[in-house]
Amino acid sequence: MRRAAAALRPALVELRRDLHRHPEIGLDLPRTRARLLAALDGLPLEITIGERLSSVTAVLRGARPGPAVLLRADLDALPVQEETGLPYASELPGAMHACGHDLHAAALVGAARLLAERREQLVGSVVFMFQPGEEGAGGAALMIEEGVLDAAGERVAAAYALHVAAAQLPAGYVAGRPGPIMAASDTLRVVVRGRGGHGSSPHLALDPVPVACEAVLALQTLVTRQFDVFDPVVLTVGTFHAGTVENVVPDRAEFAATVRSFSPAARAQVLDRAVRVVRGIGEAHGCQVEAVAEPGYPVTVNDPAEAAYAERTVRRLLGGDRYVEMPRPLAGSEDFGVLAEHVPAAYVVLGACPADADPFTAPYNHSPQARFDDAVLGDAAALLAALALGRAAS
């Protein structure tokens, strides 16, 4: 499998670099979809395209009956101005494949080619899920609504995905773990309403700024004093806005925070308690508070049996030393977690740090300087194909 994947690698690198030059953001990725359809042309696939998003779902049916499994790649880029200086850098100002989704797409095309060549060995069906809108747009949920989990005519028995990492993991190494592997990500938005006035006479106004500041500090205490250190939550206030000039008490202050959690129980509790805390502080000071918790992506949880299978597959395909057990989940989030709520799933991380960079100091995913070594594309395609081929036969 690896030898065949290595032979495909030049074509996959060409595809990846073309996608990198022409990034598209969100749910509507017309050029990306057209490029992928062209790359899949000629393969014995049953292809459908999304109605509400530029998705591609392709089904490959094996020669022998068996369960269906799903392989997923996300496709969308980020609103980031690229600063890598690469010869194939983004040609679209303000957009960049800074998270490696171009590699994911190319690797899944490679997996489709490898499995199509092995239809006689394939037990059951493989659903290839090319998904837009992972970066906050909820593409996975939309594709589920449009039937991706049942595209083979039956519910898939398992789902797999890999994500490349520009740093923290040497190129070619695969990291995974059973249980939570990525955090849930939600948003807390707060508006504190007071009464404006002159800065020289704050007692004649109702200043929302110190109230909002107190709420921010109280939220930091909340996460350290009401949550188990072994089931943590992370709450980071990323925006804070109030006022227009230094000698005027504004009539409102607002802030927003990202909230990360690693279990469904902690997720529900932190959102409920955060809203309660900021409302209580506002009431204590006589201010009105609008506090809204906006649900984002759930915790991405690896099914223990599927995680163990993924580990065995990596060790068998790539070598025993190429698998790394993650000691803890990542605090980033992923809407692959939506799939994992519906079917047993496994998600792994593939190191793609360039050979001329130190994995521990290189710019990480989402950085405008993030670089990915497309030399890993052969192994990425082979791993995805091996996961489907072995799981369907097991």
Protein backbone atom coordinates (compact mmCIF):
# COMPACT_ATOMS: atom_id res chain seq x y z
CA MET A 1 0.00 0.00 0.00
CA ARG A 2 2.76 2.49 0.90
CA ARG A 3 4.63 1.74 -2.32
CA ALA A 4 1.51 2.39 -4.39
CA ALA A 5 0.82 5.55 -2.39
CA ALA A 6 4.37 6.77 -2.97
CA ALA A 7 3.81 6.39 -6.71
CA LEU A 8 0.72 8.61 -6.40
CA ARG A 9 2.48 11.26 -4.36
CA PRO A 10 3.63 13.54 -7.22
CA ALA A 11 0.05 13.87 -8.47
CA LEU A 12 -1.21 14.44 -4.93
CA VAL A 13 1.42 17.13 -4.33
CA GLU A 14 0.37 18.87 -7.54
CA LEU A 15 -3.28 18.76 -6.44
CA ARG A 16 -2.46 19.99 -2.96
CA ARG A 17 -0.41 22.92 -4.23
CA ASP A 18 -3.12 23.92 -6.69
CA LEU A 19 -5.65 23.96 -3.85
CA HIS A 20 -3.19 25.93 -1.73
CA ARG A 21 -2.81 28.61 -4.41
CA HIS A 22 -6.59 29.01 -4.66
CA PRO A 23 -8.06 28.82 -1.14
CA GLU A 24 -11.78 29.21 -0.54
CA ILE A 25 -13.47 29.94 2.78
CA GLY A 26 -16.67 28.67 4.36
CA LEU A 27 -19.38 26.53 2.83
CA ASP A 28 -19.26 27.74 -0.77
CA LEU A 29 -16.11 26.35 -2.42
CA PRO A 30 -16.97 26.08 -6.13
CA ARG A 31 -13.43 25.96 -7.49
CA THR A 32 -12.28 23.49 -4.86
CA ARG A 33 -15.20 21.20 -5.59
CA ALA A 34 -14.61 21.36 -9.35
CA ARG A 35 -10.94 20.55 -8.86
CA LEU A 36 -11.76 17.55 -6.66
CA LEU A 37 -14.39 16.24 -9.06
CA ALA A 38 -11.80 16.39 -11.84
CA ALA A 39 -9.31 14.53 -9.65
CA LEU A 40 -11.87 11.79 -8.95
CA ASP A 41 -13.02 11.51 -12.56
CA GLY A 42 -12.70 8.02 -13.99
CA LEU A 43 -12.86 6.20 -10.67
CA PRO A 44 -15.72 3.74 -10.06
CA LEU A 45 -17.46 6.03 -7.59
CA GLU A 46 -21.07 7.00 -7.00
CA ILE A 47 -20.81 10.76 -6.57
CA THR A 48 -23.31 13.25 -5.19
CA ILE A 49 -22.78 16.93 -4.48
CA GLY A 50 -24.25 19.01 -1.69
CA GLU A 51 -27.23 21.30 -2.07
CA ARG A 52 -26.52 23.78 0.73
CA LEU A 53 -22.74 23.55 0.59
CA SER A 54 -20.02 22.67 -1.91
CA SER A 55 -19.57 19.16 -0.60
CA VAL A 56 -18.69 15.99 -2.48
CA THR A 57 -19.80 12.55 -1.30
CA ALA A 58 -18.37 9.56 -3.17
CA VAL A 59 -19.20 5.92 -2.55
CA LEU A 60 -16.95 3.04 -3.56
CA ARG A 61 -18.55 -0.41 -3.39
CA GLY A 62 -16.30 -3.37 -2.71
CA ALA A 63 -16.45 -6.70 -4.47
CA ARG A 64 -17.77 -8.44 -1.37
CA PRO A 65 -20.67 -7.46 0.92
CA GLY A 66 -19.92 -5.95 4.27
CA PRO A 67 -20.27 -2.83 6.40
CA ALA A 68 -19.78 0.70 5.12
CA VAL A 69 -17.13 2.97 6.61
CA LEU A 70 -16.53 6.69 6.14
CA LEU A 71 -13.34 8.65 5.47
CA ARG A 72 -13.54 12.40 5.88
CA ALA A 73 -11.47 15.36 4.68
CA ASP A 74 -12.26 19.01 5.30
CA LEU A 75 -11.69 21.49 2.48
CA ASP A 76 -12.04 25.09 3.61
CA ALA A 77 -9.32 27.66 4.19
CA LEU A 78 -8.99 30.45 6.76
CA PRO A 79 -9.27 34.26 6.55
CA VAL A 80 -5.52 34.63 7.06
CA GLN A 81 -3.00 36.58 4.99
CA GLU A 82 -0.27 34.12 4.04
CA GLU A 83 3.30 35.06 4.98
CA THR A 84 5.19 31.87 4.09
CA GLY A 85 6.85 33.09 0.90
CA LEU A 86 6.29 29.68 -0.70
CA PRO A 87 6.31 29.51 -4.50
CA TYR A 88 2.78 28.11 -4.35
CA ALA A 89 1.50 30.56 -1.72
CA SER A 90 -2.09 31.73 -1.78
CA GLU A 91 -2.97 33.97 -4.71
CA LEU A 92 -6.06 35.29 -2.92
CA PRO A 93 -5.36 38.15 -0.49
CA GLY A 94 -6.70 37.48 3.00
CA ALA A 95 -7.21 33.74 2.52
CA MET A 96 -4.86 30.86 3.26
CA HIS A 97 -4.83 27.12 3.80
CA ALA A 98 -3.24 27.72 7.19
CA CYS A 99 -4.67 24.55 8.75
CA GLY A 100 -3.63 22.01 6.16
CA HIS A 101 -7.05 21.17 4.77
CA ASP A 102 -5.52 21.20 1.29
CA LEU A 103 -3.39 18.23 2.36
CA HIS A 104 -6.46 16.48 3.79
CA ALA A 105 -8.32 16.84 0.50
CA ALA A 106 -5.41 15.58 -1.57
CA ALA A 107 -4.83 12.64 0.79
CA LEU A 108 -8.46 11.57 0.55
CA VAL A 109 -8.30 11.68 -3.25
CA GLY A 110 -5.24 9.45 -2.95
CA ALA A 111 -7.10 7.06 -0.66
CA ALA A 112 -9.96 6.86 -3.16
CA ARG A 113 -7.51 5.93 -5.91
CA LEU A 114 -5.76 3.31 -3.77
CA LEU A 115 -9.03 1.69 -2.72
CA ALA A 116 -10.48 1.78 -6.24
CA GLU A 117 -7.46 -0.26 -7.35
CA ARG A 118 -8.27 -2.78 -4.60
CA ARG A 119 -12.00 -3.22 -5.07
CA GLU A 120 -11.60 -6.98 -5.27
CA GLN A 121 -10.12 -6.97 -1.75
CA LEU A 122 -12.63 -4.51 -0.37
CA VAL A 123 -15.36 -5.84 1.89
CA GLY A 124 -18.35 -3.50 2.05
CA SER A 125 -18.40 0.13 0.95
CA VAL A 126 -16.38 3.26 1.61
CA VAL A 127 -17.94 6.71 1.81
CA PHE A 128 -15.52 9.53 0.98
CA MET A 129 -16.69 12.72 2.66
CA PHE A 130 -15.21 15.92 1.22
CA GLN A 131 -16.50 18.56 3.63
CA PRO A 132 -16.53 22.36 3.38
CA GLY A 133 -17.13 24.64 6.33
CA GLU A 134 -15.12 22.99 9.10
CA GLU A 135 -13.67 26.30 10.31
CA GLY A 136 -16.74 27.36 12.26
CA ALA A 137 -19.41 27.04 9.57
CA GLY A 138 -20.83 23.69 10.70
CA GLY A 139 -20.27 21.79 7.47
CA ALA A 140 -20.34 18.35 9.08
CA ALA A 141 -23.82 18.84 10.50
CA LEU A 142 -25.11 20.04 7.12
CA MET A 143 -23.64 17.01 5.36
CA ILE A 144 -25.22 14.71 7.94
CA GLU A 145 -28.57 16.39 7.30
CA GLU A 146 -28.04 15.79 3.58
CA GLY A 147 -27.43 12.09 4.21
CA VAL A 148 -23.67 11.50 4.14
CA LEU A 149 -23.81 8.86 6.89
CA ASP A 150 -26.29 6.80 4.85
CA ALA A 151 -24.84 7.50 1.40
CA ALA A 152 -23.97 3.82 0.89
CA GLY A 153 -27.57 2.79 1.51
CA GLU A 154 -26.93 1.93 5.14
CA ARG A 155 -25.54 3.74 8.16
CA VAL A 156 -21.75 3.67 8.16
CA ALA A 157 -20.26 1.46 10.87
CA ALA A 158 -17.36 3.79 11.62
CA ALA A 159 -15.79 7.10 10.59
CA TYR A 160 -12.11 8.09 10.37
CA ALA A 161 -10.17 11.28 9.76
CA LEU A 162 -6.64 12.58 10.10
CA HIS A 163 -5.40 16.12 10.64
CA VAL A 164 -1.94 17.35 9.75
CA ALA A 165 0.08 19.39 12.23
CA ALA A 166 2.61 22.02 11.16
CA ALA A 167 4.40 21.77 14.52
CA GLN A 168 4.56 19.87 17.83
CA LEU A 169 4.90 16.51 16.06
CA PRO A 170 7.73 15.38 13.75
CA ALA A 171 6.78 14.75 10.14
CA GLY A 172 5.39 11.29 9.55
CA TYR A 173 4.52 10.49 13.16
CA VAL A 174 0.90 9.83 14.06
CA ALA A 175 -0.64 10.78 17.40
CA GLY A 176 -3.92 9.58 18.85
CA ARG A 177 -5.70 8.52 22.00
CA PRO A 178 -8.95 6.88 23.11
CA GLY A 179 -11.66 9.11 24.55
CA PRO A 180 -11.65 12.89 24.16
CA ILE A 181 -9.03 14.06 21.65
CA MET A 182 -10.30 17.57 20.85
CA ALA A 183 -12.22 20.03 23.01
CA ALA A 184 -15.72 21.37 22.62
CA SER A 185 -15.73 24.99 21.54
CA ASP A 186 -18.50 27.43 22.45
CA THR A 187 -18.83 31.20 22.62
CA LEU A 188 -20.00 33.43 25.45
CA ARG A 189 -21.22 36.89 24.42
CA VAL A 190 -21.98 39.52 27.07
CA VAL A 191 -23.38 43.05 26.90
CA VAL A 192 -23.48 45.11 30.10
CA ARG A 193 -25.86 48.08 29.89
CA GLY A 194 -25.48 51.02 32.24
CA ARG A 195 -26.16 54.75 31.95
CA GLY A 196 -23.75 57.13 30.26
CA GLY A 197 -22.47 60.37 31.75
CA HIS A 198 -19.49 62.66 32.23
CA GLY A 199 -16.25 61.05 33.31
CA SER A 200 -15.80 63.67 36.02
CA SER A 201 -19.03 62.62 37.75
CA PRO A 202 -19.33 58.84 37.59
CA HIS A 203 -21.70 58.87 40.58
CA LEU A 204 -24.32 60.51 38.33
CA ALA A 205 -23.96 57.75 35.73
CA LEU A 206 -24.04 53.96 35.92
CA ASP A 207 -20.66 52.86 34.62
CA PRO A 208 -20.77 49.46 32.86
CA VAL A 209 -16.99 49.24 32.40
CA PRO A 210 -15.95 48.16 35.93
CA VAL A 211 -18.95 45.85 36.03
CA ALA A 212 -17.83 44.13 32.84
CA CYS A 213 -14.26 43.99 34.15
CA GLU A 214 -15.46 42.38 37.36
CA ALA A 215 -17.39 39.85 35.32
CA VAL A 216 -14.27 38.96 33.31
CA LEU A 217 -12.28 38.36 36.49
CA ALA A 218 -15.10 36.39 38.06
CA LEU A 219 -15.15 34.08 35.05
CA GLN A 220 -11.47 33.27 35.59
CA THR A 221 -12.26 32.36 39.20
CA LEU A 222 -15.23 30.30 38.04
CA VAL A 223 -13.13 27.94 35.93
CA THR A 224 -10.50 27.41 38.64
CA ARG A 225 -12.83 27.03 41.61
CA GLN A 226 -15.92 25.26 40.28
CA PHE A 227 -14.38 22.70 37.92
CA ASP A 228 -12.30 19.59 38.50
CA VAL A 229 -8.68 20.10 37.48
CA PHE A 230 -8.84 16.65 35.85
CA ASP A 231 -11.91 17.63 33.79
CA PRO A 232 -10.88 21.19 33.00
CA VAL A 233 -12.46 24.04 31.13
CA VAL A 234 -10.72 26.97 29.43
CA LEU A 235 -12.38 30.36 29.17
CA THR A 236 -10.56 33.11 27.30
CA VAL A 237 -12.00 36.59 26.78
CA GLY A 238 -10.82 37.57 23.33
CA THR A 239 -12.68 40.85 22.77
CA PHE A 240 -13.63 43.71 25.10
CA HIS A 241 -15.17 46.94 23.83
CA ALA A 242 -16.45 50.00 25.65
CA GLY A 243 -16.58 53.72 25.12
CA THR A 244 -15.30 56.17 22.51
CA VAL A 245 -13.42 58.83 24.48
CA GLU A 246 -11.59 58.97 27.81
CA ASN A 247 -13.83 61.49 29.61
CA VAL A 248 -17.21 59.92 28.90
CA VAL A 249 -18.84 57.10 30.84
CA PRO A 250 -20.27 54.83 28.13
CA ASP A 251 -23.73 53.37 28.38
CA ARG A 252 -22.56 49.85 27.48
CA ALA A 253 -19.58 47.52 27.60
CA GLU A 254 -19.36 44.20 25.84
CA PHE A 255 -17.03 41.25 25.65
CA ALA A 256 -16.87 37.81 24.10
CA ALA A 257 -15.06 34.66 25.16
CA THR A 258 -14.22 31.27 23.74
CA VAL A 259 -15.10 28.42 26.09
CA ARG A 260 -13.36 25.04 25.76
CA SER A 261 -14.29 21.88 27.61
CA PHE A 262 -13.41 18.20 27.42
CA SER A 263 -16.56 16.40 28.54
CA PRO A 264 -20.26 16.88 27.82
CA ALA A 265 -20.93 17.36 31.54
CA ALA A 266 -18.34 20.10 31.99
CA ARG A 267 -19.52 21.74 28.78
CA ALA A 268 -23.10 22.04 29.98
CA GLN A 269 -22.06 23.26 33.41
CA VAL A 270 -19.59 25.92 32.31
CA LEU A 271 -22.00 27.54 29.88
CA ASP A 272 -24.82 27.61 32.42
CA ARG A 273 -22.65 28.89 35.25
CA ALA A 274 -20.87 31.51 33.16
CA VAL A 275 -24.17 33.09 32.17
CA ARG A 276 -25.35 32.99 35.78
CA VAL A 277 -22.17 34.65 37.08
CA VAL A 278 -22.17 37.60 34.70
CA ARG A 279 -25.88 38.21 35.16
CA GLY A 280 -25.49 38.12 38.93
CA ILE A 281 -22.67 40.64 38.88
CA GLY A 282 -24.66 42.96 36.67
CA GLU A 283 -27.66 42.73 38.96
CA ALA A 284 -25.51 43.45 42.02
CA HIS A 285 -24.42 46.73 40.43
CA GLY A 286 -27.79 47.68 39.00
CA CYS A 287 -26.84 47.05 35.37
CA GLN A 288 -28.75 45.06 32.83
CA VAL A 289 -26.81 42.17 31.35
CA GLU A 290 -27.42 40.29 28.14
CA ALA A 291 -25.43 37.05 28.33
CA VAL A 292 -25.76 34.41 25.63
CA ALA A 293 -23.92 31.10 25.31
CA GLU A 294 -23.68 30.16 21.64
CA PRO A 295 -23.08 26.42 21.11
CA GLY A 296 -20.25 25.54 18.76
CA TYR A 297 -18.63 22.16 18.17
CA PRO A 298 -18.90 19.26 20.64
CA VAL A 299 -16.05 17.34 22.21
CA THR A 300 -14.40 15.08 19.64
CA VAL A 301 -14.40 11.67 21.31
CA ASN A 302 -12.52 8.69 19.91
CA ASP A 303 -14.37 5.44 20.40
CA PRO A 304 -11.96 3.24 22.41
CA ALA A 305 -12.26 0.26 20.07
CA GLU A 306 -11.84 2.40 16.95
CA ALA A 307 -8.90 4.28 18.49
CA ALA A 308 -7.21 0.95 19.26
CA TYR A 309 -7.87 -0.18 15.69
CA ALA A 310 -6.38 3.05 14.32
CA GLU A 311 -3.28 2.53 16.46
CA ARG A 312 -2.85 -1.04 15.20
CA THR A 313 -3.27 0.16 11.62
CA VAL A 314 -0.63 2.87 12.01
CA ARG A 315 1.85 0.48 13.60
CA ARG A 316 1.26 -2.20 10.95
CA LEU A 317 1.41 0.20 7.99
CA LEU A 318 4.03 2.74 9.03
CA GLY A 319 5.99 0.97 11.75
CA GLY A 320 5.67 0.47 15.48
CA ASP A 321 7.65 3.59 16.38
CA ARG A 322 5.52 5.92 14.27
CA TYR A 323 2.55 5.98 16.65
CA VAL A 324 2.52 8.34 19.65
CA GLU A 325 -0.03 8.06 22.44
CA MET A 326 -1.28 11.53 23.35
CA PRO A 327 -1.22 12.08 27.13
CA ARG A 328 -4.09 14.57 26.96
CA PRO A 329 -6.57 16.01 24.47
CA LEU A 330 -5.89 19.10 22.40
CA ALA A 331 -7.75 22.26 23.36
CA GLY A 332 -8.54 22.99 19.72
CA SER A 333 -11.92 21.96 18.39
CA GLU A 334 -13.16 20.10 15.33
CA ASP A 335 -16.56 19.42 13.86
CA PHE A 336 -15.52 15.82 13.26
CA GLY A 337 -16.90 15.60 16.80
CA VAL A 338 -20.37 15.89 15.28
CA LEU A 339 -19.77 12.68 13.32
CA ALA A 340 -18.43 10.99 16.44
CA GLU A 341 -21.75 11.71 18.18
CA HIS A 342 -23.53 9.59 15.55
CA VAL A 343 -21.16 6.69 14.79
CA PRO A 344 -18.05 5.13 16.36
CA ALA A 345 -15.10 7.19 15.18
CA ALA A 346 -11.36 7.66 15.40
CA TYR A 347 -9.40 10.83 14.69
CA VAL A 348 -5.61 11.01 14.52
CA VAL A 349 -3.01 13.73 14.04
CA LEU A 350 -0.25 13.37 11.44
CA GLY A 351 2.93 15.36 11.85
CA ALA A 352 3.73 17.47 8.77
CA CYS A 353 6.42 19.81 10.07
CA PRO A 354 8.85 20.70 7.25
CA ALA A 355 12.25 19.02 7.39
CA ASP A 356 14.05 22.35 7.79
CA ALA A 357 12.02 23.36 10.87
CA ASP A 358 12.02 22.35 14.54
CA PRO A 359 8.63 20.83 15.43
CA PHE A 360 8.78 22.47 18.87
CA THR A 361 9.35 26.02 17.59
CA ALA A 362 7.80 26.00 14.09
CA PRO A 363 4.66 28.12 13.49
CA TYR A 364 1.60 26.06 14.30
CA ASN A 365 -1.66 25.62 12.40
CA HIS A 366 -3.62 28.84 11.77
CA SER A 367 -0.43 30.93 11.75
CA PRO A 368 0.20 33.04 8.63
CA GLN A 369 3.67 31.45 8.63
CA ALA A 370 2.40 27.86 8.97
CA ARG A 371 4.07 25.47 6.51
CA PHE A 372 3.26 21.82 5.90
CA ASP A 373 5.52 19.19 4.37
CA ASP A 374 3.60 17.63 1.51
CA ALA A 375 6.07 14.73 1.55
CA VAL A 376 3.65 13.14 4.05
CA LEU A 377 0.86 12.93 1.46
CA GLY A 378 1.74 9.38 0.41
CA ASP A 379 1.57 8.05 3.95
CA ALA A 380 -1.58 10.08 4.65
CA ALA A 381 -3.36 8.56 1.67
CA ALA A 382 -2.12 5.07 2.53
CA LEU A 383 -3.24 5.39 6.15
CA LEU A 384 -6.75 6.49 5.22
CA ALA A 385 -7.04 3.68 2.69
CA ALA A 386 -5.70 1.11 5.16
CA LEU A 387 -8.20 2.20 7.81
CA ALA A 388 -11.07 1.57 5.42
CA LEU A 389 -9.69 -1.61 3.93
CA GLY A 390 -8.88 -3.26 7.22
CA ARG A 391 -11.97 -2.12 9.12
CA ALA A 392 -14.42 -3.33 6.52
CA ALA A 393 -12.77 -6.75 6.54
CA SER A 394 -12.60 -7.07 10.33
